[in-house]
Amino acid sequence: GRIDRNAMQMASLDHALWFHHDININDWLVYIKETTRASNGRGFNRGAFYDPDGKLVASSMQECLIRNRG
């Protein structure tokens, strides 16, 4: 089923961003994010930034704390 995000509270525990190539900040970037794990009150996400030519220019990771409100 769907998760009611209004019933949840999240906070970032840590995050990182790595640049693999120089980027032109005037160009569009595509950001693809995936949640690879969410259990026991924690979540882990990773992401990838691609330039207009499809080249991977940066990667990201984030761990978060997940709690029910109330």
N, C-alpha and C. Protein backbone atom coordinates (compact mmCIF):
# COMPACT_ATOMS: atom_id res chain seq x y z
N GLY A 1 0.80 -1.18 0.00
CA GLY A 1 0.00 0.00 0.00
C GLY A 1 0.85 1.26 0.00
N ARG A 2 0.18 2.38 -0.13
CA ARG A 2 0.88 3.66 -0.13
C ARG A 2 1.19 4.11 1.29
N ILE A 3 2.28 4.83 1.43
CA ILE A 3 2.69 5.38 2.71
C ILE A 3 2.20 6.82 2.80
N ASP A 4 1.54 7.16 3.90
CA ASP A 4 1.09 8.53 4.13
C ASP A 4 2.28 9.34 4.63
N ARG A 5 2.87 10.15 3.77
CA ARG A 5 4.06 10.92 4.14
C ARG A 5 3.77 11.98 5.19
N ASN A 6 2.50 12.41 5.31
CA ASN A 6 2.15 13.39 6.34
C ASN A 6 2.20 12.77 7.73
N ALA A 7 2.16 11.45 7.82
CA ALA A 7 2.22 10.76 9.11
C ALA A 7 3.65 10.45 9.51
N MET A 8 4.61 10.86 8.66
CA MET A 8 6.01 10.53 8.92
C MET A 8 6.84 11.79 9.10
N GLN A 9 7.95 11.61 9.77
CA GLN A 9 8.89 12.69 10.01
C GLN A 9 10.27 12.16 9.63
N MET A 10 11.03 12.92 8.86
CA MET A 10 12.34 12.46 8.42
C MET A 10 13.39 13.52 8.69
N ALA A 11 14.62 13.07 8.94
CA ALA A 11 15.74 13.97 9.14
C ALA A 11 16.99 13.35 8.52
N SER A 12 17.79 14.18 7.90
CA SER A 12 19.04 13.71 7.30
C SER A 12 20.07 13.44 8.39
N LEU A 13 20.67 12.26 8.36
CA LEU A 13 21.73 11.94 9.31
C LEU A 13 23.10 12.27 8.72
N ASP A 14 23.28 11.98 7.46
CA ASP A 14 24.50 12.36 6.76
C ASP A 14 24.25 12.31 5.26
N HIS A 15 25.09 13.02 4.55
CA HIS A 15 24.98 13.02 3.10
C HIS A 15 26.33 13.39 2.51
N ALA A 16 26.52 13.01 1.26
CA ALA A 16 27.78 13.29 0.57
C ALA A 16 27.50 13.53 -0.91
N LEU A 17 28.35 14.31 -1.53
CA LEU A 17 28.25 14.60 -2.96
C LEU A 17 29.65 14.57 -3.54
N TRP A 18 29.84 13.76 -4.58
CA TRP A 18 31.13 13.62 -5.24
C TRP A 18 31.01 14.10 -6.67
N PHE A 19 31.91 14.97 -7.10
CA PHE A 19 31.97 15.42 -8.49
C PHE A 19 33.02 14.60 -9.23
N HIS A 20 32.64 14.03 -10.36
CA HIS A 20 33.53 13.19 -11.15
C HIS A 20 34.13 13.95 -12.32
N HIS A 21 33.46 14.99 -12.78
CA HIS A 21 33.92 15.81 -13.91
C HIS A 21 33.52 17.25 -13.65
N ASP A 22 34.17 18.16 -14.35
CA ASP A 22 33.73 19.55 -14.32
C ASP A 22 32.34 19.63 -14.95
N ILE A 23 31.52 20.54 -14.42
CA ILE A 23 30.18 20.71 -14.98
C ILE A 23 29.97 22.17 -15.36
N ASN A 24 29.12 22.40 -16.33
CA ASN A 24 28.70 23.74 -16.70
C ASN A 24 27.41 24.00 -15.94
N ILE A 25 27.45 24.92 -14.99
CA ILE A 25 26.26 25.15 -14.15
C ILE A 25 25.12 25.80 -14.92
N ASN A 26 25.37 26.23 -16.16
CA ASN A 26 24.31 26.78 -16.99
C ASN A 26 23.58 25.71 -17.78
N ASP A 27 24.10 24.49 -17.78
CA ASP A 27 23.45 23.36 -18.46
C ASP A 27 22.45 22.68 -17.54
N TRP A 28 21.48 22.00 -18.13
CA TRP A 28 20.56 21.17 -17.38
C TRP A 28 21.28 19.91 -16.95
N LEU A 29 20.93 19.40 -15.78
CA LEU A 29 21.41 18.11 -15.31
C LEU A 29 20.21 17.23 -15.02
N VAL A 30 20.36 15.95 -15.23
CA VAL A 30 19.33 14.98 -14.85
C VAL A 30 19.79 14.34 -13.55
N TYR A 31 18.90 14.30 -12.56
CA TYR A 31 19.22 13.66 -11.27
C TYR A 31 18.31 12.45 -11.11
N ILE A 32 18.92 11.30 -10.96
CA ILE A 32 18.17 10.06 -10.75
C ILE A 32 18.49 9.57 -9.34
N LYS A 33 17.43 9.40 -8.54
CA LYS A 33 17.60 8.99 -7.14
C LYS A 33 16.90 7.67 -6.92
N GLU A 34 17.51 6.83 -6.11
CA GLU A 34 16.84 5.58 -5.74
C GLU A 34 17.05 5.33 -4.25
N THR A 35 15.99 4.85 -3.63
CA THR A 35 16.07 4.44 -2.23
C THR A 35 16.43 2.96 -2.24
N THR A 36 17.62 2.65 -1.76
CA THR A 36 18.07 1.27 -1.81
C THR A 36 17.70 0.50 -0.55
N ARG A 37 17.37 1.23 0.52
CA ARG A 37 17.02 0.55 1.77
C ARG A 37 16.20 1.50 2.63
N ALA A 38 15.12 0.98 3.22
CA ALA A 38 14.32 1.73 4.19
C ALA A 38 13.71 0.73 5.16
N SER A 39 14.29 0.65 6.36
CA SER A 39 13.77 -0.26 7.39
C SER A 39 14.36 0.13 8.73
N ASN A 40 13.71 -0.33 9.79
CA ASN A 40 14.20 -0.10 11.15
C ASN A 40 14.48 1.37 11.45
N GLY A 41 13.64 2.25 10.92
CA GLY A 41 13.77 3.67 11.21
C GLY A 41 14.87 4.39 10.45
N ARG A 42 15.46 3.74 9.47
CA ARG A 42 16.52 4.37 8.68
C ARG A 42 16.23 4.21 7.19
N GLY A 43 16.73 5.14 6.41
CA GLY A 43 16.61 5.05 4.97
C GLY A 43 17.95 5.37 4.33
N PHE A 44 18.22 4.79 3.17
CA PHE A 44 19.47 5.05 2.46
C PHE A 44 19.14 5.33 1.00
N ASN A 45 19.62 6.45 0.50
CA ASN A 45 19.38 6.87 -0.88
C ASN A 45 20.70 7.09 -1.59
N ARG A 46 20.71 6.81 -2.87
CA ARG A 46 21.86 7.17 -3.68
C ARG A 46 21.35 7.82 -4.95
N GLY A 47 22.17 8.67 -5.51
CA GLY A 47 21.75 9.40 -6.70
C GLY A 47 22.88 9.60 -7.68
N ALA A 48 22.50 9.95 -8.91
CA ALA A 48 23.48 10.19 -9.97
C ALA A 48 23.04 11.41 -10.78
N PHE A 49 23.98 12.28 -11.08
CA PHE A 49 23.76 13.46 -11.90
C PHE A 49 24.40 13.24 -13.26
N TYR A 50 23.62 13.48 -14.32
CA TYR A 50 24.10 13.31 -15.69
C TYR A 50 24.01 14.63 -16.44
N ASP A 51 25.02 14.88 -17.29
CA ASP A 51 24.99 16.09 -18.11
C ASP A 51 24.13 15.85 -19.36
N PRO A 52 23.94 16.88 -20.20
CA PRO A 52 23.08 16.70 -21.39
C PRO A 52 23.56 15.62 -22.36
N ASP A 53 24.85 15.26 -22.30
CA ASP A 53 25.38 14.20 -23.17
C ASP A 53 25.22 12.81 -22.55
N GLY A 54 24.66 12.75 -21.33
CA GLY A 54 24.47 11.46 -20.66
C GLY A 54 25.66 10.99 -19.85
N LYS A 55 26.66 11.87 -19.67
CA LYS A 55 27.86 11.51 -18.90
C LYS A 55 27.59 11.70 -17.41
N LEU A 56 27.96 10.70 -16.60
CA LEU A 56 27.83 10.81 -15.15
C LEU A 56 28.83 11.85 -14.65
N VAL A 57 28.32 12.93 -14.06
CA VAL A 57 29.20 14.01 -13.61
C VAL A 57 29.30 14.11 -12.09
N ALA A 58 28.34 13.52 -11.36
CA ALA A 58 28.38 13.57 -9.89
C ALA A 58 27.52 12.44 -9.32
N SER A 59 27.85 12.04 -8.10
CA SER A 59 27.10 11.01 -7.38
C SER A 59 26.78 11.52 -5.98
N SER A 60 25.67 11.04 -5.41
CA SER A 60 25.29 11.45 -4.07
C SER A 60 24.83 10.24 -3.26
N MET A 61 24.92 10.40 -1.94
CA MET A 61 24.40 9.40 -1.00
C MET A 61 23.83 10.13 0.20
N GLN A 62 22.79 9.56 0.80
CA GLN A 62 22.19 10.15 1.99
C GLN A 62 21.60 9.06 2.87
N GLU A 63 21.82 9.19 4.17
CA GLU A 63 21.17 8.33 5.15
C GLU A 63 20.21 9.20 5.94
N CYS A 64 19.00 8.70 6.19
CA CYS A 64 18.02 9.49 6.92
C CYS A 64 17.38 8.69 8.04
N LEU A 65 16.87 9.42 8.99
CA LEU A 65 16.12 8.87 10.12
C LEU A 65 14.64 9.00 9.78
N ILE A 66 13.87 7.95 10.00
CA ILE A 66 12.44 7.94 9.66
C ILE A 66 11.65 7.60 10.92
N ARG A 67 10.70 8.47 11.28
CA ARG A 67 9.88 8.24 12.47
C ARG A 67 8.42 8.54 12.15
N ASN A 68 7.51 7.89 12.84
CA ASN A 68 6.08 8.22 12.76
C ASN A 68 5.81 9.45 13.60
N ARG A 69 4.94 10.33 13.12
CA ARG A 69 4.54 11.50 13.91
C ARG A 69 3.57 11.04 15.00
N GLY A 70 3.64 11.75 16.10
CA GLY A 70 2.65 11.47 17.12
C GLY A 70 3.07 10.65 18.26
